[in-house]
Amino acid sequence: MKTLDTPKLPFPDFKWKWASLQCTEGINDPVVLLGILFRMYNLEGKYKYSSDEFAKELKSLSNDLVGRGVNIDLRGRTGDRNIIRNSGQYWKALNLIPSDKGGNGIIRLTDFGRKVANHTISQTEFSAITIISLKLPNPNIQPKEECKKWDNAGISIYPLKLILSIIRTLSNNLLDLDNAYLTPFELYRIVIPLSGTANRPVADYAQYIRHYRNGMLDLTSWPNCTKGANDARIAREFLLFLSYYGYLAKTDANSHGEEKYTYNTNLDTEIQEILNNKSTLLPPDLVPNAERKLVYTSSQKRPNQAKFRKEVLQACQRCVISNVEMPEVLEAAHIIPYKYNGEDTAANGFAMRMDIHFLFDSGHLRISENGDVFLSDKARWSYGTSIPPRIFIPEHINRDFIRWRWENYNGA
């Protein structure tokens, strides 16, 4: 690209739509998005979204989120004004609930949605599949007439993949980590207008952004793709999704009100596999490697981990699953995760052998309030009968913490 031309939009109302026309950024948080999905799964085919039963489930989830650092209140999103009526496009956009209008308001999930809800598909698998497959225009949420405008212009975008590609290119293949980020403003004022040109190379996006950061790009004459009251916030949700699932790290707004979404270099190999993937099938090593790195990264952010481990191992001196007693291979596993303000006490911790701790943190091993143990298909294949179907839960454990994790958390 020799000159910095001003982009022209393919049609006047060109924009990126994450999902709903209403902004509820908190829904993107996995404990909300997947927590509501889990509750839909339990009621599917039997109750309506407007039912008292679904309202009860949403209020239960809302109570569970109090004090967990999640900024959303679901208590008023029930009845005829239920959350699916107002923002069901979130789940439709991600192919978790059907996009058609049939069913008379009865709770329904797609096959993919059921697999996510019942933990057949792990949280990391869900996020990787979404990054690979989420495409604009999205016929699950956009009208046929709108999709036709995109098709006539020859434009087809995988927005999550594009964002990751741009940030990696800005880093000069990780040689310049100071620039390995994107701000919401850069997304909706530079990236989205540029994406209105079909087949634009990623290097173009990076060059425009570099010029903007160096004060060499005047955007006053550029088209505005966020004219609507909520358009800028909706565009930001692409970045939020990538940060919630660990591919980007969000920093708080600075004095100029700018957030930065920074590339997670620990996942670079896995992100490159996603970017190079030409199908909806996941590369075989992508998910296990990503899960391991996400769990490891999360564990590095626990400042009181040593104190927590000591307290948990004093309360329970053996692995709760395998009964192994060697302290050299035992770790303390948070039941309510630290990132959701899980407390560093023995009441919130299982003593677990290292590999079992990983299974637990990544969602491949789950424990119910009654001590029933459930393995994912992948874990069952590898561990077989070595994992007991039921365990004894020590008296010092808070069973409500176990219930919280069972109903609201799907792993790393």
Protein backbone atom coordinates (compact mmCIF):
# COMPACT_ATOMS: atom_id res chain seq x y z
CA MET A 1 0.00 0.00 0.00
CA LYS A 2 1.73 3.14 -1.23
CA THR A 3 -0.76 5.77 -0.08
CA LEU A 4 -3.24 5.98 2.77
CA ASP A 5 -6.49 6.27 0.86
CA THR A 6 -9.79 7.05 2.60
CA PRO A 7 -11.94 3.90 2.55
CA LYS A 8 -15.38 3.88 1.00
CA LEU A 9 -18.19 1.82 2.46
CA PRO A 10 -19.83 -0.82 0.24
CA PHE A 11 -23.28 0.37 1.37
CA PRO A 12 -24.41 3.20 3.70
CA ASP A 13 -25.30 1.18 6.82
CA PHE A 14 -22.25 -1.10 6.76
CA LYS A 15 -21.22 -2.12 10.29
CA TRP A 16 -20.16 -5.13 12.36
CA LYS A 17 -22.90 -6.67 14.46
CA TRP A 18 -21.72 -8.82 17.33
CA ALA A 19 -25.17 -10.03 18.25
CA SER A 20 -27.95 -8.07 19.87
CA LEU A 21 -28.93 -4.51 19.06
CA GLN A 22 -29.10 -4.03 22.83
CA CYS A 23 -25.83 -3.78 24.74
CA THR A 24 -25.36 -6.17 27.60
CA GLU A 25 -21.61 -6.66 27.64
CA GLY A 26 -21.84 -8.75 30.81
CA ILE A 27 -23.54 -11.57 28.89
CA ASN A 28 -20.24 -12.21 27.13
CA ASP A 29 -18.66 -13.34 30.41
CA PRO A 30 -18.51 -17.17 30.32
CA VAL A 31 -20.22 -17.63 33.70
CA VAL A 32 -23.18 -15.63 32.35
CA LEU A 33 -23.31 -16.81 28.74
CA LEU A 34 -22.71 -20.46 29.59
CA GLY A 35 -24.43 -20.26 32.98
CA ILE A 36 -27.68 -19.24 31.34
CA LEU A 37 -27.16 -21.89 28.66
CA PHE A 38 -26.74 -24.57 31.34
CA ARG A 39 -30.06 -23.51 32.86
CA MET A 40 -31.76 -23.55 29.46
CA TYR A 41 -30.51 -27.10 28.99
CA ASN A 42 -32.18 -28.23 32.22
CA LEU A 43 -35.53 -26.72 31.14
CA GLU A 44 -35.37 -27.36 27.39
CA GLY A 45 -38.57 -28.51 25.72
CA LYS A 46 -40.59 -28.24 28.92
CA TYR A 47 -40.88 -24.57 29.77
CA LYS A 48 -41.07 -21.20 28.04
CA TYR A 49 -38.52 -18.42 28.37
CA SER A 50 -41.30 -16.39 29.99
CA SER A 51 -42.07 -19.13 32.55
CA ASP A 52 -41.74 -18.88 36.31
CA GLU A 53 -39.33 -21.82 36.18
CA PHE A 54 -36.89 -19.97 33.90
CA ALA A 55 -37.31 -16.82 35.99
CA LYS A 56 -36.37 -18.83 39.08
CA GLU A 57 -33.22 -20.10 37.36
CA LEU A 58 -32.19 -16.60 36.28
CA LYS A 59 -32.71 -15.24 39.78
CA SER A 60 -30.63 -18.10 41.16
CA LEU A 61 -27.82 -17.28 38.74
CA SER A 62 -28.10 -13.58 39.57
CA ASN A 63 -27.70 -14.40 43.27
CA ASP A 64 -24.67 -16.55 42.46
CA LEU A 65 -23.03 -13.64 40.65
CA VAL A 66 -23.22 -11.25 43.58
CA GLY A 67 -19.69 -10.42 44.70
CA ARG A 68 -18.09 -12.35 41.81
CA GLY A 69 -16.94 -9.33 39.82
CA VAL A 70 -19.58 -9.80 37.12
CA ASN A 71 -21.42 -6.63 36.16
CA ILE A 72 -24.90 -7.86 35.31
CA ASP A 73 -28.20 -8.19 37.18
CA LEU A 74 -30.61 -10.80 35.82
CA ARG A 75 -33.37 -10.40 38.40
CA GLY A 76 -35.40 -8.05 36.22
CA ARG A 77 -34.79 -9.98 32.99
CA THR A 78 -37.64 -12.45 33.52
CA GLY A 79 -41.26 -13.03 32.53
CA ASP A 80 -42.50 -11.34 29.37
CA ARG A 81 -39.38 -9.13 29.41
CA ASN A 82 -37.06 -12.10 29.80
CA ILE A 83 -33.43 -11.97 28.75
CA ILE A 84 -33.93 -14.12 25.65
CA ARG A 85 -36.65 -11.84 24.30
CA ASN A 86 -34.37 -8.82 24.63
CA SER A 87 -30.97 -10.34 23.84
CA GLY A 88 -31.52 -13.86 22.52
CA GLN A 89 -29.44 -12.90 19.49
CA TYR A 90 -26.33 -13.44 21.63
CA TRP A 91 -26.99 -17.18 21.75
CA LYS A 92 -28.31 -17.26 18.18
CA ALA A 93 -25.20 -15.53 16.85
CA LEU A 94 -23.02 -18.23 18.40
CA ASN A 95 -25.31 -21.03 17.19
CA LEU A 96 -26.27 -22.04 20.73
CA ILE A 97 -30.04 -21.63 20.28
CA PRO A 98 -32.01 -21.90 17.00
CA SER A 99 -32.23 -18.77 14.88
CA ASP A 100 -35.75 -19.47 13.61
CA LYS A 101 -38.79 -17.99 15.33
CA GLY A 102 -40.63 -21.28 15.83
CA GLY A 103 -41.25 -23.07 19.10
CA ASN A 104 -43.86 -20.71 20.59
CA GLY A 105 -41.36 -19.41 23.12
CA ILE A 106 -40.39 -22.87 24.35
CA ILE A 107 -36.76 -23.13 25.45
CA ARG A 108 -34.73 -24.80 22.70
CA LEU A 109 -31.03 -25.37 22.07
CA THR A 110 -29.09 -26.38 18.98
CA ASP A 111 -27.09 -29.61 18.99
CA PHE A 112 -23.98 -27.48 19.46
CA GLY A 113 -25.63 -25.62 22.33
CA ARG A 114 -26.48 -28.88 24.09
CA LYS A 115 -22.90 -30.11 23.78
CA VAL A 116 -21.60 -26.89 25.32
CA ALA A 117 -24.25 -26.92 28.06
CA ASN A 118 -23.65 -30.53 29.11
CA HIS A 119 -19.86 -30.07 28.94
CA THR A 120 -19.31 -32.45 26.03
CA ILE A 121 -17.56 -29.46 24.47
CA SER A 122 -15.18 -27.69 26.86
CA GLN A 123 -15.09 -23.94 27.29
CA THR A 124 -11.81 -23.72 25.38
CA GLU A 125 -13.22 -25.82 22.54
CA PHE A 126 -16.27 -23.56 22.45
CA SER A 127 -14.16 -20.41 22.18
CA ALA A 128 -11.83 -21.88 19.53
CA ILE A 129 -14.77 -23.10 17.43
CA THR A 130 -16.39 -19.67 17.72
CA ILE A 131 -13.23 -17.84 16.62
CA ILE A 132 -12.84 -20.16 13.64
CA SER A 133 -16.47 -20.20 12.54
CA LEU A 134 -18.02 -16.82 13.46
CA LYS A 135 -18.60 -15.05 10.17
CA LEU A 136 -20.02 -11.75 8.97
CA PRO A 137 -22.58 -11.44 7.62
CA ASN A 138 -24.19 -13.74 10.19
CA PRO A 139 -27.47 -15.19 8.86
CA ASN A 140 -28.37 -16.35 12.39
CA ILE A 141 -29.04 -12.75 13.42
CA GLN A 142 -28.96 -10.57 10.29
CA PRO A 143 -31.95 -10.33 7.91
CA LYS A 144 -31.65 -11.84 4.43
CA GLU A 145 -31.78 -8.39 2.83
CA GLU A 146 -28.83 -7.26 4.93
CA CYS A 147 -26.80 -10.39 4.20
CA LYS A 148 -27.49 -9.88 0.49
CA LYS A 149 -25.84 -6.43 0.65
CA TRP A 150 -22.67 -8.06 1.97
CA ASP A 151 -22.82 -10.80 -0.65
CA ASN A 152 -23.35 -8.33 -3.50
CA ALA A 153 -20.26 -6.41 -2.33
CA GLY A 154 -18.24 -9.63 -2.19
CA ILE A 155 -17.48 -9.15 1.50
CA SER A 156 -17.12 -12.03 3.94
CA ILE A 157 -15.27 -11.50 7.24
CA TYR A 158 -14.22 -13.75 10.10
CA PRO A 159 -14.01 -10.87 12.59
CA LEU A 160 -12.41 -12.65 15.56
CA LYS A 161 -9.71 -14.17 13.36
CA LEU A 162 -9.16 -10.81 11.67
CA ILE A 163 -8.68 -9.02 15.01
CA LEU A 164 -6.10 -11.56 16.17
CA SER A 165 -4.29 -11.37 12.81
CA ILE A 166 -4.14 -7.58 12.93
CA ILE A 167 -2.76 -7.46 16.47
CA ARG A 168 -0.15 -10.09 15.70
CA THR A 169 0.89 -8.16 12.60
CA LEU A 170 1.12 -4.96 14.64
CA SER A 171 3.59 -6.78 16.89
CA ASN A 172 5.80 -7.55 13.85
CA ASN A 173 5.50 -11.28 14.56
CA LEU A 174 5.98 -10.69 18.31
CA LEU A 175 9.18 -8.68 17.88
CA ASP A 176 7.42 -5.48 18.98
CA LEU A 177 5.19 -6.42 21.91
CA ASP A 178 4.62 -2.78 22.86
CA ASN A 179 2.33 -2.55 19.84
CA ALA A 180 0.65 -5.94 20.22
CA TYR A 181 -2.74 -4.48 21.10
CA LEU A 182 -5.90 -2.94 19.71
CA THR A 183 -8.23 -0.37 21.27
CA PRO A 184 -12.00 -0.28 20.74
CA PHE A 185 -11.61 3.11 19.02
CA GLU A 186 -9.10 1.66 16.54
CA LEU A 187 -11.48 -1.22 15.90
CA TYR A 188 -14.57 0.80 15.07
CA ARG A 189 -12.92 3.86 13.50
CA ILE A 190 -10.17 2.15 11.46
CA VAL A 191 -10.57 -1.62 11.20
CA ILE A 192 -14.31 -1.77 10.50
CA PRO A 193 -14.33 0.95 7.80
CA LEU A 194 -11.34 -0.70 6.11
CA SER A 195 -13.08 -4.09 6.18
CA GLY A 196 -15.68 -2.70 3.78
CA THR A 197 -13.18 -3.33 0.99
CA ALA A 198 -13.28 -6.97 -0.08
CA ASN A 199 -10.15 -9.09 0.43
CA ARG A 200 -8.09 -6.32 1.99
CA PRO A 201 -4.76 -7.75 3.26
CA VAL A 202 -4.05 -7.72 6.98
CA ALA A 203 -0.90 -5.68 6.40
CA ASP A 204 -3.09 -2.77 5.26
CA TYR A 205 -4.95 -2.67 8.56
CA ALA A 206 -1.69 -2.70 10.49
CA GLN A 207 -0.18 0.09 8.41
CA TYR A 208 -3.18 2.36 8.88
CA ILE A 209 -3.17 1.75 12.63
CA ARG A 210 0.58 2.42 12.89
CA HIS A 211 0.12 5.73 11.06
CA TYR A 212 -2.74 6.64 13.38
CA ARG A 213 -0.65 5.88 16.47
CA ASN A 214 2.18 8.01 15.06
CA GLY A 215 -0.17 10.97 14.48
CA MET A 216 0.03 10.60 10.69
CA LEU A 217 -3.59 9.65 9.97
CA ASP A 218 -6.51 12.10 10.06
CA LEU A 219 -9.80 10.26 10.51
CA THR A 220 -12.13 13.27 10.21
CA SER A 221 -13.07 12.44 6.62
CA TRP A 222 -13.42 8.70 7.23
CA PRO A 223 -16.84 7.03 7.15
CA ASN A 224 -18.48 6.40 10.51
CA CYS A 225 -19.63 2.80 11.00
CA THR A 226 -20.93 3.40 14.51
CA LYS A 227 -23.61 6.01 14.00
CA GLY A 228 -26.13 4.24 16.20
CA ALA A 229 -26.25 4.91 19.92
CA ASN A 230 -24.95 1.44 20.80
CA ASP A 231 -22.85 0.65 17.71
CA ALA A 232 -19.46 1.43 19.29
CA ARG A 233 -20.24 -0.68 22.36
CA ILE A 234 -21.47 -3.54 20.19
CA ALA A 235 -18.24 -3.44 18.14
CA ARG A 236 -16.24 -3.58 21.38
CA GLU A 237 -17.83 -6.92 22.22
CA PHE A 238 -15.66 -8.70 19.65
CA LEU A 239 -12.69 -7.65 21.76
CA LEU A 240 -14.48 -8.57 24.97
CA PHE A 241 -15.11 -12.11 23.76
CA LEU A 242 -11.44 -12.64 22.97
CA SER A 243 -10.43 -11.27 26.36
CA TYR A 244 -12.97 -13.32 28.35
CA TYR A 245 -11.61 -16.53 26.83
CA GLY A 246 -7.95 -15.65 27.32
CA TYR A 247 -6.75 -14.78 23.80
CA LEU A 248 -6.40 -11.09 24.66
CA ALA A 249 -5.79 -9.34 27.97
CA LYS A 250 -7.89 -6.27 28.70
CA THR A 251 -6.30 -3.36 30.54
CA ASP A 252 -8.41 -0.75 32.29
CA ALA A 253 -9.08 2.55 30.57
CA ASN A 254 -6.28 5.09 30.87
CA SER A 255 -6.64 8.84 31.52
CA HIS A 256 -7.81 9.26 27.92
CA GLY A 257 -10.52 6.66 28.40
CA GLU A 258 -8.78 4.09 26.17
CA GLU A 259 -8.79 0.37 26.90
CA LYS A 260 -6.11 -1.83 25.40
CA TYR A 261 -6.69 -5.44 24.38
CA THR A 262 -3.26 -7.03 24.31
CA TYR A 263 -2.22 -10.23 22.51
CA ASN A 264 -1.65 -13.25 24.77
CA THR A 265 1.79 -14.35 23.63
CA ASN A 266 1.53 -17.52 25.72
CA LEU A 267 -1.12 -18.76 23.27
CA ASP A 268 0.68 -17.69 20.12
CA THR A 269 1.19 -21.20 18.74
CA GLU A 270 -2.47 -22.04 19.28
CA ILE A 271 -3.65 -18.70 17.87
CA GLN A 272 -1.57 -19.28 14.74
CA GLU A 273 -3.21 -22.69 14.34
CA ILE A 274 -6.60 -20.97 14.53
CA LEU A 275 -5.57 -18.28 12.02
CA ASN A 276 -4.21 -20.85 9.57
CA ASN A 277 -7.22 -23.14 9.91
CA LYS A 278 -9.31 -23.39 6.74
CA SER A 279 -12.15 -25.51 8.11
CA THR A 280 -14.43 -25.64 11.13
CA LEU A 281 -12.58 -28.68 12.48
CA LEU A 282 -10.14 -27.97 15.27
CA PRO A 283 -6.46 -28.92 14.80
CA PRO A 284 -5.77 -31.94 17.08
CA ASP A 285 -3.24 -30.26 19.39
CA LEU A 286 -4.93 -26.87 19.62
CA VAL A 287 -7.37 -27.41 22.47
CA PRO A 288 -5.23 -29.45 24.91
CA ASN A 289 -2.28 -27.08 24.47
CA ALA A 290 -4.48 -24.01 24.87
CA GLU A 291 -6.21 -25.45 27.94
CA ARG A 292 -2.89 -26.24 29.58
CA LYS A 293 -1.52 -22.74 28.93
CA LEU A 294 -4.73 -20.99 30.01
CA VAL A 295 -4.80 -22.96 33.26
CA TYR A 296 -1.10 -22.24 33.87
CA THR A 297 -1.53 -18.52 33.14
CA SER A 298 -4.50 -18.34 35.48
CA SER A 299 -2.54 -20.01 38.29
CA GLN A 300 0.20 -17.40 38.00
CA LYS A 301 -2.30 -14.69 38.95
CA ARG A 302 -3.09 -16.12 42.39
CA PRO A 303 -1.03 -14.11 44.89
CA ASN A 304 -1.99 -16.21 47.93
CA GLN A 305 -1.58 -19.61 46.27
CA ALA A 306 1.17 -20.83 48.60
CA LYS A 307 -0.84 -19.91 51.71
CA PHE A 308 -3.96 -21.41 50.16
CA ARG A 309 -2.16 -24.68 49.36
CA LYS A 310 -0.84 -24.97 52.90
CA GLU A 311 -4.29 -24.48 54.41
CA VAL A 312 -5.99 -26.91 52.04
CA LEU A 313 -3.37 -29.65 52.49
CA GLN A 314 -3.53 -29.28 56.26
CA ALA A 315 -7.30 -29.77 56.12
CA CYS A 316 -7.16 -32.67 53.65
CA GLN A 317 -3.83 -34.43 53.27
CA ARG A 318 -4.69 -36.56 50.26
CA CYS A 319 -6.05 -36.11 46.75
CA VAL A 320 -9.83 -36.04 46.95
CA ILE A 321 -10.03 -38.18 43.78
CA SER A 322 -7.06 -40.56 43.82
CA ASN A 323 -6.25 -40.66 47.58
CA VAL A 324 -2.56 -40.00 46.78
CA GLU A 325 -0.82 -38.60 49.91
CA MET A 326 2.55 -37.46 48.52
CA PRO A 327 2.70 -33.67 49.14
CA GLU A 328 5.21 -33.38 46.28
CA VAL A 329 2.43 -34.07 43.74
CA LEU A 330 -0.50 -32.45 45.54
CA GLU A 331 -1.90 -29.03 44.73
CA ALA A 332 -4.77 -26.92 46.04
CA ALA A 333 -7.60 -26.44 43.55
CA HIS A 334 -10.02 -23.54 43.93
CA ILE A 335 -13.66 -24.62 43.71
CA ILE A 336 -14.98 -21.13 42.95
CA PRO A 337 -12.14 -19.81 40.77
CA TYR A 338 -9.93 -17.00 41.98
CA LYS A 339 -10.89 -14.83 38.97
CA TYR A 340 -14.47 -14.89 40.26
CA ASN A 341 -13.37 -13.88 43.76
CA GLY A 342 -13.21 -17.41 45.09
CA GLU A 343 -11.83 -17.24 48.61
CA ASP A 344 -8.40 -18.61 49.58
CA THR A 345 -9.67 -20.89 52.33
CA ALA A 346 -9.88 -24.62 52.89
CA ALA A 347 -13.66 -24.39 52.49
CA ASN A 348 -13.09 -23.43 48.84
CA GLY A 349 -10.34 -25.91 48.02
CA PHE A 350 -9.76 -29.52 47.06
CA ALA A 351 -6.40 -31.22 47.49
CA MET A 352 -5.69 -32.77 44.10
CA ARG A 353 -2.91 -34.59 42.31
CA MET A 354 -1.35 -32.31 39.68
CA ASP A 355 -2.86 -33.95 36.62
CA ILE A 356 -6.28 -34.22 38.24
CA HIS A 357 -6.07 -30.56 39.24
CA PHE A 358 -5.59 -29.73 35.56
CA LEU A 359 -8.61 -31.86 34.59
CA PHE A 360 -10.66 -30.02 37.21
CA ASP A 361 -9.51 -26.52 36.22
CA SER A 362 -10.02 -27.17 32.49
CA GLY A 363 -13.51 -28.58 32.98
CA HIS A 364 -12.71 -32.16 31.99
CA LEU A 365 -13.51 -33.39 35.51
CA ARG A 366 -16.56 -32.15 37.40
CA ILE A 367 -17.81 -32.87 40.92
CA SER A 368 -21.40 -32.51 42.06
CA GLU A 369 -22.64 -31.53 45.52
CA ASN A 370 -23.26 -35.21 46.23
CA GLY A 371 -19.73 -36.18 45.29
CA ASP A 372 -20.58 -37.64 41.90
CA VAL A 373 -17.62 -37.39 39.52
CA PHE A 374 -18.12 -36.76 35.81
CA LEU A 375 -15.46 -36.89 33.10
CA SER A 376 -15.51 -35.45 29.61
CA ASP A 377 -15.35 -37.96 26.77
CA LYS A 378 -11.70 -37.08 26.22
CA ALA A 379 -10.78 -37.55 29.90
CA ARG A 380 -12.79 -40.77 30.13
CA TRP A 381 -10.89 -42.19 27.18
CA SER A 382 -7.53 -41.50 28.85
CA TYR A 383 -8.35 -42.18 32.52
CA GLY A 384 -11.01 -44.87 32.24
CA THR A 385 -11.73 -46.67 35.51
CA SER A 386 -8.90 -44.95 37.40
CA ILE A 387 -11.32 -42.17 38.37
CA PRO A 388 -14.01 -43.23 40.87
CA PRO A 389 -17.65 -42.43 39.97
CA ARG A 390 -18.24 -40.92 43.42
CA ILE A 391 -16.05 -39.45 46.15
CA PHE A 392 -16.46 -38.48 49.78
CA ILE A 393 -16.53 -34.71 50.15
CA PRO A 394 -14.65 -33.60 53.29
CA GLU A 395 -16.70 -31.90 55.99
CA HIS A 396 -14.73 -28.65 55.81
CA ILE A 397 -15.73 -28.07 52.17
CA ASN A 398 -18.53 -25.60 51.52
CA ARG A 399 -20.97 -27.58 49.38
CA ASP A 400 -22.60 -24.42 48.11
CA PHE A 401 -19.26 -23.57 46.48
CA ILE A 402 -19.40 -26.93 44.70
CA ARG A 403 -22.95 -26.21 43.53
CA TRP A 404 -21.83 -22.77 42.29
CA ARG A 405 -19.10 -24.29 40.17
CA TRP A 406 -21.37 -27.07 38.88
CA GLU A 407 -24.03 -24.62 37.70
CA ASN A 408 -21.95 -21.65 36.62
CA TYR A 409 -18.43 -22.59 35.57
CA ASN A 410 -17.25 -24.53 32.56
CA GLY A 411 -13.48 -24.57 33.05
CA ALA A 412 -10.52 -22.53 31.84
